[in-house]
């Protein structure tokens, strides 16, 4: 017994799909499909009621010159179960439903009921607002809040689309923003560094200004530095006689310390003793070891 659901088909080795002739037919040919009645209807010829879910062998075709925002609309042909009169209906993408077209009338149309309910709600709202002024204020506040939310959502969508367009065109804008941010950070760091240096210079000037000028012979040149504008002081000393001795330039206390160090006898060096307590004496011949 062969399998009921065969997954592998036998393809002969000399099979060539290009040799299969293409089927020719009209552009908008009708197809036979099996479907169920999408809504309950009544035949206009004999008055027979056709309930929802009744199965039919129908013919399907695409409606020429009619669509809903690019969505195709299909038409179906069925026959009445009693008088075999032709009944047609088509899809309705706007209301996500089906619409009776010819040969039968629909018993119930849900969108019409929704329209009636919306009209009743609107009338009830107007009647309530006439009797209650606070309700008018509340409804206005609710409506304004809803409008603001819608505007915010639209603004977010526009901003997102603009950002996607910038990213799609390239990362030049992003790189420019990053570069500007880095330059601003570097400018801030340089500014802080320069301010710190200026404060240090001011502190140094304040400290050195408190120190008086030396009493030795000094002459002040007329030249001044270009940055600070302060006069440059040049100290000149006249050499008299031979070069003085180094000890003569020292103070009395330093000279006495040097003299004391020279008068002290040198400290005798200790002889090396190993860890075992053996004294090693070096001589001309063999070394003598004493315990």
C-alpha atoms as a PDB file:
ATOM      1  CA  UNK A   1       0.000   0.000   0.000  1.00  0.00           C
ATOM      2  CA  UNK A   2       1.436   3.343  -1.008  1.00  0.00           C
ATOM      3  CA  UNK A   3       1.753   6.307   1.322  1.00  0.00           C
ATOM      4  CA  UNK A   4      -1.125   8.714   1.568  1.00  0.00           C
ATOM      5  CA  UNK A   5       1.074  11.793   1.951  1.00  0.00           C
ATOM      6  CA  UNK A   6       4.030  11.476  -0.370  1.00  0.00           C
ATOM      7  CA  UNK A   7       6.832  13.968   0.262  1.00  0.00           C
ATOM      8  CA  UNK A   8       9.351  12.773  -2.329  1.00  0.00           C
ATOM      9  CA  UNK A   9       8.320  12.808  -5.986  1.00  0.00           C
ATOM     10  CA  UNK A  10      10.094  10.845  -8.698  1.00  0.00           C
ATOM     11  CA  UNK A  11      11.650  13.089 -11.366  1.00  0.00           C
ATOM     12  CA  UNK A  12      12.998  11.246 -14.423  1.00  0.00           C
ATOM     13  CA  UNK A  13      16.577  12.103 -15.444  1.00  0.00           C
ATOM     14  CA  UNK A  14      15.498  13.336 -18.890  1.00  0.00           C
ATOM     15  CA  UNK A  15      12.953  15.823 -17.468  1.00  0.00           C
ATOM     16  CA  UNK A  16      13.216  19.349 -18.916  1.00  0.00           C
ATOM     17  CA  UNK A  17      10.797  21.940 -17.453  1.00  0.00           C
ATOM     18  CA  UNK A  18      11.411  24.342 -20.352  1.00  0.00           C
ATOM     19  CA  UNK A  19       9.623  21.915 -22.698  1.00  0.00           C
ATOM     20  CA  UNK A  20       6.361  22.196 -20.773  1.00  0.00           C
ATOM     21  CA  UNK A  21       3.996  24.473 -22.788  1.00  0.00           C
ATOM     22  CA  UNK A  22       2.573  27.453 -20.966  1.00  0.00           C
ATOM     23  CA  UNK A  23      -1.145  27.640 -20.494  1.00  0.00           C
ATOM     24  CA  UNK A  24      -2.723  30.472 -22.460  1.00  0.00           C
ATOM     25  CA  UNK A  25      -5.901  32.155 -21.286  1.00  0.00           C
ATOM     26  CA  UNK A  26      -7.625  35.488 -20.817  1.00  0.00           C
ATOM     27  CA  UNK A  27      -6.068  38.162 -18.636  1.00  0.00           C
ATOM     28  CA  UNK A  28      -8.765  38.172 -15.973  1.00  0.00           C
ATOM     29  CA  UNK A  29      -9.947  34.603 -16.067  1.00  0.00           C
ATOM     30  CA  UNK A  30     -12.353  33.276 -13.465  1.00  0.00           C
ATOM     31  CA  UNK A  31     -11.255  30.602 -11.008  1.00  0.00           C
ATOM     32  CA  UNK A  32     -13.466  28.016  -9.333  1.00  0.00           C
ATOM     33  CA  UNK A  33     -13.026  28.098  -5.559  1.00  0.00           C
ATOM     34  CA  UNK A  34     -14.753  26.478  -2.622  1.00  0.00           C
ATOM     35  CA  UNK A  35     -16.070  28.935  -0.038  1.00  0.00           C
ATOM     36  CA  UNK A  36     -18.723  29.549   2.586  1.00  0.00           C
ATOM     37  CA  UNK A  37     -21.267  32.339   2.569  1.00  0.00           C
ATOM     38  CA  UNK A  38     -19.614  35.228   4.524  1.00  0.00           C
ATOM     39  CA  UNK A  39     -22.955  36.620   5.753  1.00  0.00           C
ATOM     40  CA  UNK A  40     -26.621  35.644   5.917  1.00  0.00           C
ATOM     41  CA  UNK A  41     -28.618  36.819   2.882  1.00  0.00           C
ATOM     42  CA  UNK A  42     -31.991  36.495   1.194  1.00  0.00           C
ATOM     43  CA  UNK A  43     -32.451  35.748  -2.499  1.00  0.00           C
ATOM     44  CA  UNK A  44     -34.236  38.538  -4.343  1.00  0.00           C
ATOM     45  CA  UNK A  45     -35.762  36.104  -6.883  1.00  0.00           C
ATOM     46  CA  UNK A  46     -37.407  33.441  -4.688  1.00  0.00           C
ATOM     47  CA  UNK A  47     -36.992  34.839  -1.190  1.00  0.00           C
ATOM     48  CA  UNK A  48     -34.897  31.907   0.021  1.00  0.00           C
ATOM     49  CA  UNK A  49     -32.759  32.602   3.115  1.00  0.00           C
ATOM     50  CA  UNK A  50     -29.115  31.585   2.863  1.00  0.00           C
ATOM     51  CA  UNK A  51     -27.473  31.353   6.268  1.00  0.00           C
ATOM     52  CA  UNK A  52     -23.896  32.286   7.066  1.00  0.00           C
ATOM     53  CA  UNK A  53     -21.465  29.403   6.544  1.00  0.00           C
ATOM     54  CA  UNK A  54     -23.326  27.684   3.687  1.00  0.00           C
ATOM     55  CA  UNK A  55     -20.769  26.074   1.346  1.00  0.00           C
ATOM     56  CA  UNK A  56     -20.695  26.887  -2.354  1.00  0.00           C
ATOM     57  CA  UNK A  57     -18.601  26.183  -5.436  1.00  0.00           C
ATOM     58  CA  UNK A  58     -18.033  29.786  -6.532  1.00  0.00           C
ATOM     59  CA  UNK A  59     -16.273  31.560  -9.357  1.00  0.00           C
ATOM     60  CA  UNK A  60     -13.759  34.250  -8.395  1.00  0.00           C
ATOM     61  CA  UNK A  61     -12.450  37.176 -10.433  1.00  0.00           C
ATOM     62  CA  UNK A  62     -10.617  40.461  -9.854  1.00  0.00           C
ATOM     63  CA  UNK A  63     -12.687  43.635 -10.131  1.00  0.00           C
ATOM     64  CA  UNK A  64     -11.231  45.769 -12.908  1.00  0.00           C
ATOM     65  CA  UNK A  65     -10.685  49.484 -12.196  1.00  0.00           C
ATOM     66  CA  UNK A  66     -11.675  49.247  -8.528  1.00  0.00           C
ATOM     67  CA  UNK A  67      -9.328  49.006  -5.553  1.00  0.00           C
ATOM     68  CA  UNK A  68      -8.882  50.403  -2.050  1.00  0.00           C
ATOM     69  CA  UNK A  69      -5.491  52.120  -1.568  1.00  0.00           C
ATOM     70  CA  UNK A  70      -3.858  49.576  -3.848  1.00  0.00           C
ATOM     71  CA  UNK A  71      -5.666  46.562  -2.328  1.00  0.00           C
ATOM     72  CA  UNK A  72      -7.366  44.402  -4.936  1.00  0.00           C
ATOM     73  CA  UNK A  73     -11.090  43.735  -4.678  1.00  0.00           C
ATOM     74  CA  UNK A  74     -12.426  40.297  -5.650  1.00  0.00           C
ATOM     75  CA  UNK A  75     -15.908  39.356  -6.874  1.00  0.00           C
ATOM     76  CA  UNK A  76     -17.575  35.972  -6.241  1.00  0.00           C
ATOM     77  CA  UNK A  77     -20.406  34.323  -8.155  1.00  0.00           C
ATOM     78  CA  UNK A  78     -22.718  31.760  -6.445  1.00  0.00           C
ATOM     79  CA  UNK A  79     -26.167  30.292  -7.194  1.00  0.00           C
ATOM     80  CA  UNK A  80     -29.251  30.217  -4.988  1.00  0.00           C
ATOM     81  CA  UNK A  81     -29.880  26.812  -3.428  1.00  0.00           C
ATOM     82  CA  UNK A  82     -33.574  26.909  -4.401  1.00  0.00           C
ATOM     83  CA  UNK A  83     -33.981  28.715  -7.744  1.00  0.00           C
ATOM     84  CA  UNK A  84     -30.336  28.640  -8.938  1.00  0.00           C
ATOM     85  CA  UNK A  85     -30.390  32.403  -9.509  1.00  0.00           C
ATOM     86  CA  UNK A  86     -26.973  34.017  -9.749  1.00  0.00           C
ATOM     87  CA  UNK A  87     -25.836  35.958  -6.697  1.00  0.00           C
ATOM     88  CA  UNK A  88     -22.709  38.109  -6.595  1.00  0.00           C
ATOM     89  CA  UNK A  89     -20.843  39.722  -3.707  1.00  0.00           C
ATOM     90  CA  UNK A  90     -17.382  41.272  -3.397  1.00  0.00           C
ATOM     91  CA  UNK A  91     -14.808  42.045  -0.749  1.00  0.00           C
ATOM     92  CA  UNK A  92     -14.890  45.318   1.213  1.00  0.00           C
ATOM     93  CA  UNK A  93     -11.386  46.184   2.517  1.00  0.00           C
ATOM     94  CA  UNK A  94     -12.607  49.478   3.953  1.00  0.00           C
ATOM     95  CA  UNK A  95     -14.845  47.775   6.527  1.00  0.00           C
ATOM     96  CA  UNK A  96     -12.891  44.444   6.516  1.00  0.00           C
ATOM     97  CA  UNK A  97     -16.037  42.655   5.425  1.00  0.00           C
ATOM     98  CA  UNK A  98     -18.006  41.599   2.341  1.00  0.00           C
ATOM     99  CA  UNK A  99     -20.603  43.583   0.394  1.00  0.00           C
ATOM    100  CA  UNK A 100     -23.680  42.152  -1.354  1.00  0.00           C
ATOM    101  CA  UNK A 101     -23.703  43.317  -4.972  1.00  0.00           C
ATOM    102  CA  UNK A 102     -26.425  41.578  -7.052  1.00  0.00           C
ATOM    103  CA  UNK A 103     -29.149  38.894  -6.706  1.00  0.00           C
ATOM    104  CA  UNK A 104     -29.457  38.997  -2.905  1.00  0.00           C
ATOM    105  CA  UNK A 105     -29.834  41.419  -0.035  1.00  0.00           C
ATOM    106  CA  UNK A 106     -27.910  41.190   3.202  1.00  0.00           C
ATOM    107  CA  UNK A 107     -29.941  40.618   6.347  1.00  0.00           C
ATOM    108  CA  UNK A 108     -27.620  42.498   8.697  1.00  0.00           C
ATOM    109  CA  UNK A 109     -24.839  44.997   8.008  1.00  0.00           C
ATOM    110  CA  UNK A 110     -22.660  45.615  11.094  1.00  0.00           C
ATOM    111  CA  UNK A 111     -21.209  48.955   9.930  1.00  0.00           C
ATOM    112  CA  UNK A 112     -24.704  50.414   9.681  1.00  0.00           C
ATOM    113  CA  UNK A 113     -25.349  49.419  13.288  1.00  0.00           C
ATOM    114  CA  UNK A 114     -22.092  51.096  14.260  1.00  0.00           C
ATOM    115  CA  UNK A 115     -23.131  54.301  12.508  1.00  0.00           C
ATOM    116  CA  UNK A 116     -26.437  54.279  14.369  1.00  0.00           C
ATOM    117  CA  UNK A 117     -24.684  53.746  17.684  1.00  0.00           C
ATOM    118  CA  UNK A 118     -22.248  56.601  16.987  1.00  0.00           C
ATOM    119  CA  UNK A 119     -25.130  58.943  16.136  1.00  0.00           C
ATOM    120  CA  UNK A 120     -26.949  57.995  19.328  1.00  0.00           C
ATOM    121  CA  UNK A 121     -23.818  58.607  21.409  1.00  0.00           C
ATOM    122  CA  UNK A 122     -23.323  62.005  19.784  1.00  0.00           C
ATOM    123  CA  UNK A 123     -26.915  63.064  20.511  1.00  0.00           C
ATOM    124  CA  UNK A 124     -26.665  61.864  24.113  1.00  0.00           C
ATOM    125  CA  UNK A 125     -23.427  63.799  24.557  1.00  0.00           C
ATOM    126  CA  UNK A 126     -24.979  67.010  23.212  1.00  0.00           C
ATOM    127  CA  UNK A 127     -28.015  66.611  25.476  1.00  0.00           C
ATOM    128  CA  UNK A 128     -25.793  66.058  28.509  1.00  0.00           C
ATOM    129  CA  UNK A 129     -23.692  69.114  27.691  1.00  0.00           C
ATOM    130  CA  UNK A 130     -26.777  71.318  27.462  1.00  0.00           C
ATOM    131  CA  UNK A 131     -27.822  70.422  31.020  1.00  0.00           C
ATOM    132  CA  UNK A 132     -24.394  70.285  32.641  1.00  0.00           C
ATOM    133  CA  UNK A 133     -21.880  73.110  31.935  1.00  0.00           C
ATOM    134  CA  UNK A 134     -19.132  71.298  33.876  1.00  0.00           C
ATOM    135  CA  UNK A 135     -19.485  68.383  31.500  1.00  0.00           C
ATOM    136  CA  UNK A 136     -18.885  70.784  28.603  1.00  0.00           C
ATOM    137  CA  UNK A 137     -15.632  71.938  30.192  1.00  0.00           C
ATOM    138  CA  UNK A 138     -14.571  68.348  30.884  1.00  0.00           C
ATOM    139  CA  UNK A 139     -15.286  67.269  27.296  1.00  0.00           C
ATOM    140  CA  UNK A 140     -13.351  70.240  25.928  1.00  0.00           C
ATOM    141  CA  UNK A 141     -10.401  69.425  28.155  1.00  0.00           C
ATOM    142  CA  UNK A 142     -10.491  65.801  27.023  1.00  0.00           C
ATOM    143  CA  UNK A 143     -10.671  66.802  23.362  1.00  0.00           C
ATOM    144  CA  UNK A 144      -7.797  69.277  23.680  1.00  0.00           C
ATOM    145  CA  UNK A 145      -5.676  66.667  25.462  1.00  0.00           C
ATOM    146  CA  UNK A 146      -6.394  64.154  22.706  1.00  0.00           C
ATOM    147  CA  UNK A 147      -5.432  66.701  20.053  1.00  0.00           C
ATOM    148  CA  UNK A 148      -2.188  67.516  21.878  1.00  0.00           C
ATOM    149  CA  UNK A 149      -1.321  63.804  22.107  1.00  0.00           C
ATOM    150  CA  UNK A 150      -1.969  63.403  18.395  1.00  0.00           C
ATOM    151  CA  UNK A 151       0.215  66.426  17.590  1.00  0.00           C
ATOM    152  CA  UNK A 152       3.024  65.110  19.812  1.00  0.00           C
ATOM    153  CA  UNK A 153       2.849  61.730  18.101  1.00  0.00           C
ATOM    154  CA  UNK A 154       3.009  63.386  14.688  1.00  0.00           C
ATOM    155  CA  UNK A 155       5.983  65.500  15.778  1.00  0.00           C
ATOM    156  CA  UNK A 156       7.795  62.401  17.016  1.00  0.00           C
ATOM    157  CA  UNK A 157       7.132  60.622  13.731  1.00  0.00           C
ATOM    158  CA  UNK A 158       8.433  63.612  11.753  1.00  0.00           C
ATOM    159  CA  UNK A 159      11.553  63.855  13.894  1.00  0.00           C
ATOM    160  CA  UNK A 160      12.174  60.119  13.521  1.00  0.00           C
ATOM    161  CA  UNK A 161      11.752  60.312   9.764  1.00  0.00           C
ATOM    162  CA  UNK A 162      14.116  63.296   9.538  1.00  0.00           C
ATOM    163  CA  UNK A 163      16.700  61.459  11.643  1.00  0.00           C
ATOM    164  CA  UNK A 164      16.400  58.369   9.448  1.00  0.00           C
ATOM    165  CA  UNK A 165      16.885  60.510   6.342  1.00  0.00           C
ATOM    166  CA  UNK A 166      20.037  62.068   7.798  1.00  0.00           C
ATOM    167  CA  UNK A 167      21.408  58.649   8.674  1.00  0.00           C
ATOM    168  CA  UNK A 168      20.490  57.313   5.230  1.00  0.00           C
ATOM    169  CA  UNK A 169      22.311  60.131   3.430  1.00  0.00           C
ATOM    170  CA  UNK A 170      25.490  59.451   5.391  1.00  0.00           C
ATOM    171  CA  UNK A 171      27.204  59.882   8.698  1.00  0.00           C
ATOM    172  CA  UNK A 172      28.626  63.285   7.832  1.00  0.00           C
ATOM    173  CA  UNK A 173      26.236  65.138  10.128  1.00  0.00           C
ATOM    174  CA  UNK A 174      26.954  62.782  13.024  1.00  0.00           C
ATOM    175  CA  UNK A 175      30.689  63.165  12.524  1.00  0.00           C
ATOM    176  CA  UNK A 176      30.349  66.946  12.414  1.00  0.00           C
ATOM    177  CA  UNK A 177      28.392  66.989  15.674  1.00  0.00           C
ATOM    178  CA  UNK A 178      30.972  64.751  17.359  1.00  0.00           C
ATOM    179  CA  UNK A 179      33.803  66.935  16.079  1.00  0.00           C
ATOM    180  CA  UNK A 180      32.133  70.096  17.359  1.00  0.00           C
ATOM    181  CA  UNK A 181      31.551  68.467  20.742  1.00  0.00           C
ATOM    182  CA  UNK A 182      35.211  67.453  20.997  1.00  0.00           C
ATOM    183  CA  UNK A 183      36.358  70.968  20.015  1.00  0.00           C
ATOM    184  CA  UNK A 184      34.134  72.507  22.680  1.00  0.00           C
ATOM    185  CA  UNK A 185      35.568  70.133  25.303  1.00  0.00           C
ATOM    186  CA  UNK A 186      39.139  70.958  24.234  1.00  0.00           C
ATOM    187  CA  UNK A 187      38.385  74.694  24.311  1.00  0.00           C
ATOM    188  CA  UNK A 188      37.046  74.377  27.847  1.00  0.00           C
ATOM    189  CA  UNK A 189      40.149  72.464  28.962  1.00  0.00           C
ATOM    190  CA  UNK A 190      42.505  75.006  27.397  1.00  0.00           C
ATOM    191  CA  UNK A 191      40.586  77.870  28.982  1.00  0.00           C
ATOM    192  CA  UNK A 192      40.817  76.257  32.438  1.00  0.00           C
ATOM    193  CA  UNK A 193      44.526  75.585  31.961  1.00  0.00           C
ATOM    194  CA  UNK A 194      45.197  79.157  30.901  1.00  0.00           C
ATOM    195  CA  UNK A 195      43.282  80.545  33.892  1.00  0.00           C
ATOM    196  CA  UNK A 196      45.260  78.291  36.242  1.00  0.00           C
ATOM    197  CA  UNK A 197      48.551  79.494  34.753  1.00  0.00           C
ATOM    198  CA  UNK A 198      47.498  83.124  35.121  1.00  0.00           C
ATOM    199  CA  UNK A 199      46.610  82.557  38.777  1.00  0.00           C
ATOM    200  CA  UNK A 200      50.008  80.926  39.383  1.00  0.00           C
ATOM    201  CA  UNK A 201      51.797  83.885  37.771  1.00  0.00           C
ATOM    202  CA  UNK A 202      49.843  86.336  39.894  1.00  0.00           C
ATOM    203  CA  UNK A 203      50.723  84.383  43.044  1.00  0.00           C
ATOM    204  CA  UNK A 204      54.426  84.297  42.123  1.00  0.00           C
ATOM    205  CA  UNK A 205      54.451  88.045  41.456  1.00  0.00           C
ATOM    206  CA  UNK A 206      52.724  88.728  44.750  1.00  0.00           C
ATOM    207  CA  UNK A 207      55.287  86.632  46.668  1.00  0.00           C
ATOM    208  CA  UNK A 208      58.365  88.132  44.979  1.00  0.00           C
ATOM    209  CA  UNK A 209      57.074  91.668  45.277  1.00  0.00           C
ATOM    210  CA  UNK A 210      57.229  91.341  49.082  1.00  0.00           C
ATOM    211  CA  UNK A 211      60.984  90.533  48.918  1.00  0.00           C
ATOM    212  CA  UNK A 212      63.090  93.702  48.859  1.00  0.00           C
ATOM    213  CA  UNK A 213      65.816  94.414  46.333  1.00  0.00           C
ATOM    214  CA  UNK A 214      69.461  93.469  47.361  1.00  0.00           C
ATOM    215  CA  UNK A 215      71.629  96.163  48.900  1.00  0.00           C
ATOM    216  CA  UNK A 216      74.581  95.429  46.674  1.00  0.00           C
ATOM    217  CA  UNK A 217      75.504  97.611  43.792  1.00  0.00           C
ATOM    218  CA  UNK A 218      72.727  97.307  41.241  1.00  0.00           C
ATOM    219  CA  UNK A 219      71.705  99.130  38.152  1.00  0.00           C
ATOM    220  CA  UNK A 220      68.283  99.034  36.524  1.00  0.00           C
ATOM    221  CA  UNK A 221      68.257  98.928  32.772  1.00  0.00           C
ATOM    222  CA  UNK A 222      65.679 100.873  30.880  1.00  0.00           C
ATOM    223  CA  UNK A 223      64.618  97.820  28.931  1.00  0.00           C
ATOM    224  CA  UNK A 224      61.486  95.955  29.999  1.00  0.00           C
ATOM    225  CA  UNK A 225      60.148  92.504  29.168  1.00  0.00           C
ATOM    226  CA  UNK A 226      57.508  92.304  26.474  1.00  0.00           C
ATOM    227  CA  UNK A 227      55.098  90.028  28.391  1.00  0.00           C
ATOM    228  CA  UNK A 228      54.919  91.479  31.931  1.00  0.00           C
ATOM    229  CA  UNK A 229      56.125  95.049  31.289  1.00  0.00           C
ATOM    230  CA  UNK A 230      58.322  95.054  34.459  1.00  0.00           C
ATOM    231  CA  UNK A 231      61.884  96.486  34.316  1.00  0.00           C
ATOM    232  CA  UNK A 232      64.765  94.019  34.130  1.00  0.00           C
ATOM    233  CA  UNK A 233      67.286  94.346  37.020  1.00  0.00           C
ATOM    234  CA  UNK A 234      70.946  93.553  36.372  1.00  0.00           C
ATOM    235  CA  UNK A 235      73.280  93.118  39.401  1.00  0.00           C
ATOM    236  CA  UNK A 236      76.937  93.969  38.810  1.00  0.00           C
ATOM    237  CA  UNK A 237      79.831  93.178  41.196  1.00  0.00           C
ATOM    238  CA  UNK A 238      83.330  94.608  40.841  1.00  0.00           C
ATOM    239  CA  UNK A 239      86.223  92.166  41.396  1.00  0.00           C
ATOM    240  CA  UNK A 240      88.973  93.493  43.692  1.00  0.00           C
ATOM    241  CA  UNK A 241      92.391  91.803  44.004  1.00  0.00           C
ATOM    242  CA  UNK A 242      92.879  88.062  43.749  1.00  0.00           C
ATOM    243  CA  UNK A 243      90.170  85.434  43.953  1.00  0.00           C
ATOM    244  CA  UNK A 244      89.218  84.878  47.639  1.00  0.00           C
ATOM    245  CA  UNK A 245      89.716  81.551  49.377  1.00  0.00           C
ATOM    246  CA  UNK A 246      86.743  79.239  49.789  1.00  0.00           C
ATOM    247  CA  UNK A 247      87.188  78.994  53.579  1.00  0.00           C
ATOM    248  CA  UNK A 248      87.178  82.749  53.914  1.00  0.00           C
ATOM    249  CA  UNK A 249      83.696  82.873  52.403  1.00  0.00           C
ATOM    250  CA  UNK A 250      82.311  80.462  55.011  1.00  0.00           C
ATOM    251  CA  UNK A 251      80.771  81.609  58.254  1.00  0.00           C
ATOM    252  CA  UNK A 252      82.491  81.203  61.616  1.00  0.00           C
ATOM    253  CA  UNK A 253      80.281  78.306  62.707  1.00  0.00           C
ATOM    254  CA  UNK A 254      80.888  76.338  59.467  1.00  0.00           C
ATOM    255  CA  UNK A 255      84.634  76.987  59.703  1.00  0.00           C
ATOM    256  CA  UNK A 256      84.747  75.709  63.349  1.00  0.00           C
ATOM    257  CA  UNK A 257      82.857  72.520  62.347  1.00  0.00           C
ATOM    258  CA  UNK A 258      85.365  71.800  59.579  1.00  0.00           C
ATOM    259  CA  UNK A 259      88.304  72.315  61.975  1.00  0.00           C
ATOM    260  CA  UNK A 260      86.792  69.930  64.562  1.00  0.00           C
ATOM    261  CA  UNK A 261      86.309  67.224  61.929  1.00  0.00           C
ATOM    262  CA  UNK A 262      89.940  67.484  60.834  1.00  0.00           C
ATOM    263  CA  UNK A 263      91.229  67.236  64.440  1.00  0.00           C
ATOM    264  CA  UNK A 264      89.254  64.060  65.282  1.00  0.00           C
ATOM    265  CA  UNK A 265      91.306  60.844  64.850  1.00  0.00           C
ATOM    266  CA  UNK A 266      90.078  58.407  62.265  1.00  0.00           C
ATOM    267  CA  UNK A 267      88.022  55.496  63.554  1.00  0.00           C
ATOM    268  CA  UNK A 268      89.776  52.153  63.376  1.00  0.00           C
ATOM    269  CA  UNK A 269      88.142  49.638  61.069  1.00  0.00           C
ATOM    270  CA  UNK A 270      86.808  46.446  62.601  1.00  0.00           C
ATOM    271  CA  UNK A 271      88.213  43.210  61.392  1.00  0.00           C
ATOM    272  CA  UNK A 272      85.884  40.933  59.565  1.00  0.00           C
ATOM    273  CA  UNK A 273      84.647  37.946  61.564  1.00  0.00           C
ATOM    274  CA  UNK A 274      82.674  35.259  59.878  1.00  0.00           C
ATOM    275  CA  UNK A 275      79.500  33.725  61.278  1.00  0.00           C
ATOM    276  CA  UNK A 276      81.427  30.892  62.994  1.00  0.00           C
ATOM    277  CA  UNK A 277      83.488  33.302  65.139  1.00  0.00           C
ATOM    278  CA  UNK A 278      86.807  32.478  63.403  1.00  0.00           C
ATOM    279  CA  UNK A 279      89.253  35.349  62.925  1.00  0.00           C
ATOM    280  CA  UNK A 280      91.121  35.286  59.659  1.00  0.00           C
ATOM    281  CA  UNK A 281      94.650  36.814  59.603  1.00  0.00           C
ATOM    282  CA  UNK A 282      96.335  37.317  56.285  1.00  0.00           C
ATOM    283  CA  UNK A 283     100.103  36.734  56.096  1.00  0.00           C
ATOM    284  CA  UNK A 284     102.817  36.131  53.616  1.00  0.00           C
ATOM    285  CA  UNK A 285     102.583  32.372  53.897  1.00  0.00           C
ATOM    286  CA  UNK A 286      99.633  30.271  54.796  1.00  0.00           C
ATOM    287  CA  UNK A 287      96.750  31.924  56.615  1.00  0.00           C
ATOM    288  CA  UNK A 288      96.475  31.066  60.279  1.00  0.00           C
ATOM    289  CA  UNK A 289      93.109  30.476  61.762  1.00  0.00           C
ATOM    290  CA  UNK A 290      92.397  30.843  65.441  1.00  0.00           C
ATOM    291  CA  UNK A 291      89.308  29.640  67.038  1.00  0.00           C
END
